[in-house]
Amino acid sequence: MSLYVELALTAAEKDRVRSLAGEVPVWFAQPKEHTDRDFEAFARAEVAVGNCPPEWLKQAASLRWLQLPSMGIDRYVGLDWAELGRRITVTNLTGTFADPVAQTCLAGILALYRGVDELSRLGERHQWSTTPLRPGLRLLTGASVVILGAGTIARRLAELLAPFGCEVTLYSRRMTPGELDALLPATDVLVGLLPGTEETAGLVDAARLALLPRGAIFVNAGRGSLVDEDALVAALRERRLGGAVLDVTATEPLPPDHPLWSCPRTLLTQHTAGGSDQESGQILEVFEDNWRRFTSGRPLRNIVEWSRGF
């Protein structure tokens, strides 16, 4: 057996992987800088960790388990998992990024409510504008928040909002679109934390954005496919929405000429919400646990269910 690792690791973290693997040969590849030798090592490996090119999976006859260093599985959805799934088990990092993503959502909401985004821009222009801003600053206290999703990130965000006395509703599979529509007219903050599936694509469309009260905040840290971006741009430009915090967009990187760059009161966090100075260590912790499970024949954690899309 051999192990293929495609992660940005320090020397100490590589030693940690070698110690875990014991006598199993380990090949370290640099993410996004693939060489022919990397592919050869991947093709020999029984276990791999990292975001390898999707086309490699079709040619990796020895591979039995792939540990993804992310929650998202988007780049692999188009593969034939009816066939590949017979020999390859894929696991992801469900639950690992709950704290950083929830904290980014909260930080963005507070920045818009308390005018930090506008004050930052004024600071860049060396412009003092206390009097016009003060009357428009809002309090998050008691706000009505609807979170699209009911997973670990959604539940962690609900916990972070609790001290503010927010009324939080988690929208899950148990609720109907009609029930969501009934909530929106009284929603101060709408947060998207859903995976990218056929069911969730376009869930936040022009009609649902129009149901939100004037001044509502929209946050998306799930998948860019959740929202109709043209309708979102229109709502922001017309200031029907009070702002948006977008960690994800339909196209990433966001093209330089995309209108979202210039929309008022829009914070683009550029898919960094899951990041932290503890990220690589957290990835290794999940991999280490699953490695011990794999090598001892026990069930793996966080197995991707391709039929559900996550």
Protein backbone atom coordinates (compact mmCIF):
# COMPACT_ATOMS: atom_id res chain seq x y z
CA MET A 1 0.00 0.00 0.00
CA SER A 2 1.11 3.60 -0.60
CA LEU A 3 -0.22 7.02 0.40
CA TYR A 4 -0.51 10.12 -1.82
CA VAL A 5 -0.73 13.48 -0.05
CA GLU A 6 -1.60 16.72 -1.84
CA LEU A 7 -1.72 19.35 0.89
CA ALA A 8 0.22 22.52 1.67
CA LEU A 9 2.08 21.23 4.73
CA THR A 10 4.98 22.41 6.83
CA ALA A 11 8.00 20.16 7.35
CA ALA A 12 6.69 19.28 10.82
CA GLU A 13 3.28 18.36 9.41
CA LYS A 14 4.89 16.13 6.78
CA ASP A 15 6.79 14.36 9.55
CA ARG A 16 3.46 13.93 11.33
CA VAL A 17 2.03 12.18 8.25
CA ARG A 18 5.12 9.98 7.86
CA SER A 19 4.87 8.94 11.51
CA LEU A 20 1.21 8.07 11.03
CA ALA A 21 1.91 6.05 7.89
CA GLY A 22 4.70 4.05 9.51
CA GLU A 23 6.24 1.76 6.90
CA VAL A 24 3.73 2.78 4.21
CA PRO A 25 5.48 4.86 1.48
CA VAL A 26 4.22 8.47 1.31
CA TRP A 27 4.34 10.76 -1.73
CA PHE A 28 3.92 14.49 -1.13
CA ALA A 29 2.65 16.64 -4.02
CA GLN A 30 2.29 20.42 -4.13
CA PRO A 31 -1.36 21.46 -4.60
CA LYS A 32 -2.18 22.80 -8.09
CA GLU A 33 1.38 22.14 -9.34
CA HIS A 34 0.97 18.63 -10.67
CA THR A 35 3.79 16.81 -12.43
CA ASP A 36 3.91 13.51 -14.32
CA ARG A 37 5.60 11.95 -11.29
CA ASP A 38 2.72 13.13 -9.11
CA PHE A 39 0.23 11.35 -11.34
CA GLU A 40 2.34 8.20 -11.34
CA ALA A 41 2.41 8.25 -7.53
CA PHE A 42 -1.35 8.85 -7.40
CA ALA A 43 -1.99 5.97 -9.81
CA ARG A 44 -0.07 3.62 -7.48
CA ALA A 45 -1.69 4.81 -4.26
CA GLU A 46 -4.39 2.96 -2.39
CA VAL A 47 -5.10 6.03 -0.24
CA ALA A 48 -4.99 9.70 -1.22
CA VAL A 49 -5.68 12.94 0.62
CA GLY A 50 -6.16 16.21 -1.27
CA ASN A 51 -8.10 17.78 -4.13
CA CYS A 52 -6.67 15.73 -6.98
CA PRO A 53 -7.74 16.40 -10.59
CA PRO A 54 -11.09 14.63 -11.18
CA GLU A 55 -9.84 12.91 -14.34
CA TRP A 56 -7.15 11.14 -12.33
CA LEU A 57 -9.75 9.11 -10.46
CA LYS A 58 -10.80 7.27 -13.60
CA GLN A 59 -7.23 6.08 -14.12
CA ALA A 60 -6.33 5.24 -10.54
CA ALA A 61 -7.06 1.51 -10.48
CA SER A 62 -5.41 1.00 -7.08
CA LEU A 63 -7.21 3.80 -5.23
CA ARG A 64 -9.62 2.67 -2.52
CA TRP A 65 -10.11 5.81 -0.41
CA LEU A 66 -9.86 9.54 -1.13
CA GLN A 67 -9.96 12.02 1.76
CA LEU A 68 -10.95 15.48 0.53
CA PRO A 69 -9.52 18.50 2.42
CA SER A 70 -12.83 20.33 2.09
CA MET A 71 -16.56 19.98 2.59
CA GLY A 72 -17.33 20.79 -1.05
CA ILE A 73 -17.41 18.01 -3.64
CA ASP A 74 -18.49 20.11 -6.63
CA ARG A 75 -15.55 19.34 -8.93
CA TYR A 76 -16.20 15.59 -8.64
CA VAL A 77 -19.99 15.54 -9.01
CA GLY A 78 -19.88 15.02 -12.79
CA LEU A 79 -17.98 11.72 -12.57
CA ASP A 80 -19.68 8.33 -12.93
CA TRP A 81 -20.02 7.42 -9.26
CA ALA A 82 -22.24 4.46 -10.06
CA GLU A 83 -19.02 2.93 -11.41
CA LEU A 84 -16.30 4.68 -9.37
CA GLY A 85 -18.23 4.26 -6.14
CA ARG A 86 -17.85 0.50 -6.32
CA ARG A 87 -14.13 0.75 -5.57
CA ILE A 88 -13.46 4.27 -4.21
CA THR A 89 -14.81 5.63 -0.94
CA VAL A 90 -14.66 9.44 -0.72
CA THR A 91 -14.74 11.27 2.61
CA ASN A 92 -14.89 15.01 3.21
CA LEU A 93 -14.54 17.44 6.12
CA THR A 94 -18.17 17.85 7.13
CA GLY A 95 -18.29 19.68 10.45
CA THR A 96 -14.65 20.76 10.45
CA PHE A 97 -15.24 24.34 9.32
CA ALA A 98 -18.24 25.16 11.51
CA ASP A 99 -16.46 27.72 13.69
CA PRO A 100 -14.58 29.72 11.03
CA VAL A 101 -17.50 29.87 8.58
CA ALA A 102 -19.98 30.81 11.30
CA GLN A 103 -17.61 33.50 12.60
CA THR A 104 -17.16 34.96 9.10
CA CYS A 105 -20.95 35.13 8.68
CA LEU A 106 -21.34 36.86 12.03
CA ALA A 107 -18.48 39.27 11.32
CA GLY A 108 -20.01 40.24 7.98
CA ILE A 109 -23.47 40.76 9.45
CA LEU A 110 -22.11 42.94 12.24
CA ALA A 111 -19.93 44.91 9.80
CA LEU A 112 -23.01 45.84 7.75
CA TYR A 113 -25.24 46.49 10.76
CA ARG A 114 -22.67 48.72 12.44
CA GLY A 115 -21.45 50.47 9.28
CA VAL A 116 -17.91 49.10 9.45
CA ASP A 117 -17.89 48.58 5.67
CA GLU A 118 -18.74 52.24 5.01
CA LEU A 119 -16.39 53.51 7.71
CA SER A 120 -13.55 51.51 6.17
CA ARG A 121 -14.15 53.13 2.78
CA LEU A 122 -14.31 56.58 4.39
CA GLY A 123 -11.01 55.84 6.10
CA GLU A 124 -9.35 55.07 2.79
CA ARG A 125 -10.41 58.57 1.62
CA HIS A 126 -9.36 60.22 4.93
CA GLN A 127 -12.95 61.43 5.25
CA TRP A 128 -14.65 62.03 8.64
CA SER A 129 -18.41 61.50 8.40
CA THR A 130 -19.77 60.79 11.88
CA THR A 131 -23.02 62.76 11.79
CA PRO A 132 -24.55 61.30 8.58
CA LEU A 133 -23.71 57.71 9.56
CA ARG A 134 -24.81 57.49 13.18
CA PRO A 135 -28.61 57.56 12.63
CA GLY A 136 -28.40 54.69 10.14
CA LEU A 137 -26.41 52.27 12.29
CA ARG A 138 -28.43 49.24 13.29
CA LEU A 139 -28.47 46.79 16.20
CA LEU A 140 -28.40 43.05 15.63
CA THR A 141 -30.18 42.61 18.97
CA GLY A 142 -33.49 40.85 18.47
CA ALA A 143 -33.14 40.47 14.70
CA SER A 144 -35.04 37.74 12.85
CA VAL A 145 -32.54 35.43 11.14
CA VAL A 146 -33.41 32.62 8.72
CA ILE A 147 -30.58 30.20 8.02
CA LEU A 148 -30.92 28.04 4.91
CA GLY A 149 -29.41 24.82 6.20
CA ALA A 150 -29.44 22.84 9.42
CA GLY A 151 -25.97 21.30 9.50
CA THR A 152 -23.03 21.91 11.80
CA ILE A 153 -22.25 25.39 10.44
CA ALA A 154 -25.88 26.50 10.66
CA ARG A 155 -26.16 25.26 14.23
CA ARG A 156 -22.89 26.93 15.22
CA LEU A 157 -24.01 30.25 13.71
CA ALA A 158 -27.27 29.97 15.65
CA GLU A 159 -25.20 29.57 18.83
CA LEU A 160 -23.14 32.67 18.02
CA LEU A 161 -26.31 34.68 17.39
CA ALA A 162 -27.96 33.58 20.64
CA PRO A 163 -26.30 36.26 22.85
CA PHE A 164 -27.80 38.92 20.59
CA GLY A 165 -31.30 37.62 21.32
CA CYS A 166 -31.90 36.88 17.64
CA GLU A 167 -34.91 34.84 16.60
CA VAL A 168 -33.25 32.12 14.51
CA THR A 169 -35.02 29.66 12.20
CA LEU A 170 -33.15 26.83 10.46
CA TYR A 171 -34.59 25.90 7.06
CA SER A 172 -34.10 22.16 6.55
CA ARG A 173 -35.41 19.41 4.29
CA ARG A 174 -38.34 19.03 6.66
CA MET A 175 -39.67 22.45 5.64
CA THR A 176 -41.44 23.23 2.39
CA PRO A 177 -40.63 26.11 0.00
CA GLY A 178 -44.02 27.53 0.97
CA GLU A 179 -43.00 27.62 4.61
CA LEU A 180 -39.81 29.47 3.62
CA ASP A 181 -41.81 32.01 1.64
CA ALA A 182 -44.00 32.64 4.68
CA LEU A 183 -40.91 33.43 6.80
CA LEU A 184 -39.18 35.84 4.41
CA PRO A 185 -41.36 38.98 4.79
CA ALA A 186 -40.30 39.22 8.45
CA THR A 187 -36.65 38.17 7.93
CA ASP A 188 -33.94 40.71 8.78
CA VAL A 189 -31.02 38.45 7.82
CA LEU A 190 -31.15 35.56 5.34
CA VAL A 191 -28.13 33.24 5.46
CA GLY A 192 -27.33 30.57 2.84
CA LEU A 193 -25.38 27.55 4.12
CA LEU A 194 -26.70 24.86 1.80
CA PRO A 195 -24.66 22.48 -0.38
CA GLY A 196 -24.78 22.80 -4.14
CA THR A 197 -27.42 20.34 -5.38
CA GLU A 198 -30.22 20.34 -7.94
CA GLU A 199 -32.67 21.04 -5.12
CA THR A 200 -30.81 24.10 -3.84
CA ALA A 201 -29.84 25.67 -7.18
CA GLY A 202 -31.67 28.99 -7.60
CA LEU A 203 -33.57 28.60 -4.32
CA VAL A 204 -33.03 32.31 -3.61
CA ASP A 205 -34.52 33.69 -6.81
CA ALA A 206 -35.89 37.12 -7.72
CA ALA A 207 -39.30 36.31 -6.21
CA ARG A 208 -37.83 35.30 -2.84
CA LEU A 209 -35.50 38.30 -2.74
CA ALA A 210 -38.55 40.47 -3.34
CA LEU A 211 -40.29 38.88 -0.33
CA LEU A 212 -37.57 40.12 2.03
CA PRO A 213 -38.32 43.42 3.78
CA ARG A 214 -36.49 46.50 2.58
CA GLY A 215 -33.08 46.72 4.25
CA ALA A 216 -32.68 42.97 4.85
CA ILE A 217 -29.17 41.48 4.71
CA PHE A 218 -28.30 38.46 2.54
CA VAL A 219 -25.36 36.22 3.46
CA ASN A 220 -24.11 33.29 1.39
CA ALA A 221 -21.36 30.97 2.60
CA GLY A 222 -22.71 27.75 1.08
CA ARG A 223 -22.63 27.64 -2.71
CA GLY A 224 -22.92 30.40 -5.31
CA SER A 225 -25.57 28.43 -7.21
CA LEU A 226 -28.04 29.10 -4.39
CA VAL A 227 -28.92 32.62 -5.55
CA ASP A 228 -29.95 34.26 -8.82
CA GLU A 229 -27.00 36.66 -9.04
CA ASP A 230 -28.66 38.96 -11.59
CA ALA A 231 -31.62 39.40 -9.25
CA LEU A 232 -29.25 39.90 -6.30
CA VAL A 233 -27.31 42.60 -8.15
CA ALA A 234 -30.55 44.39 -9.02
CA ALA A 235 -31.79 44.27 -5.40
CA LEU A 236 -28.48 45.63 -4.11
CA ARG A 237 -28.20 48.40 -6.71
CA GLU A 238 -31.77 49.50 -6.06
CA ARG A 239 -30.98 49.34 -2.31
CA ARG A 240 -33.96 47.12 -1.66
CA LEU A 241 -31.48 44.98 0.25
CA GLY A 242 -29.45 46.52 3.04
CA GLY A 243 -26.33 44.67 1.90
CA ALA A 244 -24.78 41.29 1.24
CA VAL A 245 -21.94 39.16 2.58
CA LEU A 246 -20.83 36.74 -0.13
CA ASP A 247 -18.16 34.15 0.52
CA VAL A 248 -19.17 32.17 -2.58
CA THR A 249 -20.22 33.17 -6.08
CA ALA A 250 -21.43 31.23 -9.10
CA THR A 251 -18.10 31.77 -10.86
CA GLU A 252 -14.87 31.67 -8.89
CA PRO A 253 -12.63 33.57 -9.06
CA LEU A 254 -15.18 36.33 -9.62
CA PRO A 255 -14.39 37.99 -12.99
CA PRO A 256 -12.92 41.51 -12.63
CA ASP A 257 -15.82 43.06 -14.55
CA HIS A 258 -18.56 41.29 -12.57
CA PRO A 259 -21.15 43.77 -11.22
CA LEU A 260 -20.97 42.30 -7.70
CA TRP A 261 -17.60 44.03 -7.22
CA SER A 262 -19.29 47.43 -7.37
CA CYS A 263 -22.61 46.70 -5.67
CA PRO A 264 -23.32 48.94 -2.66
CA ARG A 265 -22.79 47.51 0.82
CA THR A 266 -21.48 44.21 -0.52
CA LEU A 267 -18.68 42.33 1.24
CA LEU A 268 -16.93 39.73 -0.89
CA THR A 269 -14.92 37.44 1.36
CA GLN A 270 -13.60 35.40 -1.59
CA HIS A 271 -14.23 31.85 -0.33
CA THR A 272 -12.02 32.35 2.72
CA ALA A 273 -14.68 31.66 5.36
CA GLY A 274 -13.40 28.19 6.15
CA GLY A 275 -9.82 29.35 6.58
CA SER A 276 -7.91 29.82 9.81
CA ASP A 277 -4.43 29.44 11.22
CA GLN A 278 -5.55 26.02 12.46
CA GLU A 279 -6.84 24.73 9.12
CA SER A 280 -4.07 22.31 8.11
CA GLY A 281 -3.98 20.86 11.61
CA GLN A 282 -7.73 20.29 11.55
CA ILE A 283 -7.51 18.56 8.16
CA LEU A 284 -4.78 16.26 9.48
CA GLU A 285 -6.81 15.42 12.58
CA VAL A 286 -9.71 14.19 10.46
CA PHE A 287 -7.38 12.30 8.12
CA GLU A 288 -5.50 10.68 11.01
CA ASP A 289 -8.74 9.42 12.56
CA ASN A 290 -9.95 8.03 9.25
CA TRP A 291 -6.52 6.51 8.51
CA ARG A 292 -6.67 4.54 11.75
CA ARG A 293 -10.19 3.46 10.88
CA PHE A 294 -9.18 2.45 7.34
CA THR A 295 -6.13 0.47 8.42
CA SER A 296 -8.09 -1.32 11.14
CA GLY A 297 -11.10 -2.09 8.94
CA ARG A 298 -13.52 0.19 10.79
CA PRO A 299 -16.13 2.46 9.08
CA LEU A 300 -14.83 5.83 7.90
CA ARG A 301 -16.27 9.17 9.04
CA ASN A 302 -17.86 11.73 6.71
CA ILE A 303 -18.45 9.42 3.73
CA VAL A 304 -19.81 11.38 0.77
CA GLU A 305 -23.28 10.29 -0.37
CA TRP A 306 -23.22 10.97 -4.09
CA SER A 307 -26.94 10.36 -4.49
CA ARG A 308 -27.61 13.28 -2.12
CA GLY A 309 -24.88 15.53 -3.51
CA PHE A 310 -22.90 15.95 -0.27
